[in-house]
């Protein structure tokens, strides 16, 4: 019990405690590991319900026997069992219908993915096309305003220069009465 006291613990006690915990974690609880029994060969099954739950077995209604699925072939050859009479996985669905169903479902999934991709791509490019003229219009209007503002500034500067020249040569009329030029003559 001195280990759990409030005294200062030395590193060797912590290392010893860690080693004990590590050893205990590796010790098994005495469970015996045995190898599973070898699987029964498919020929031992005499009914479809007992044959098809095994993934390696194929039931043929033509011959009413359970045989090993020919893994070297994607589909069982017709010499072994016709596809319409072969059952694999479940007894109520023949192999032919299973292949057709899987092909249709796979095709629907591929078409759905392609349609979603096309919709996403088209909608984003359509949005870009729609937004571009708005952006171009804004840029065009902004540039037009800048050009007008610079032209107005140049006009004001030009008018100021012309007024200075008129004052210099006495051509500037008195702004109080515009007919003063006629009175002096």
Foldseek 3Di string as FASTA:
>chain_A
DVCPDPDDDDVVVVVVVVVVVVVVVPDDPPDDDDDDDDDDAQQVDQAPVVRQCDQQWKAFPVVSGIHGAPPVDPHGDVVVHDQQRIDHNDDVDGNVNVVVVVVVVVVVVVVVVVVVVVVVVVVVVVVVVVVVVVVVVVVVVVVVVVVVVVVVVVVVVVVVVVQVVCVVVVNDADPVDRCVVVVVD
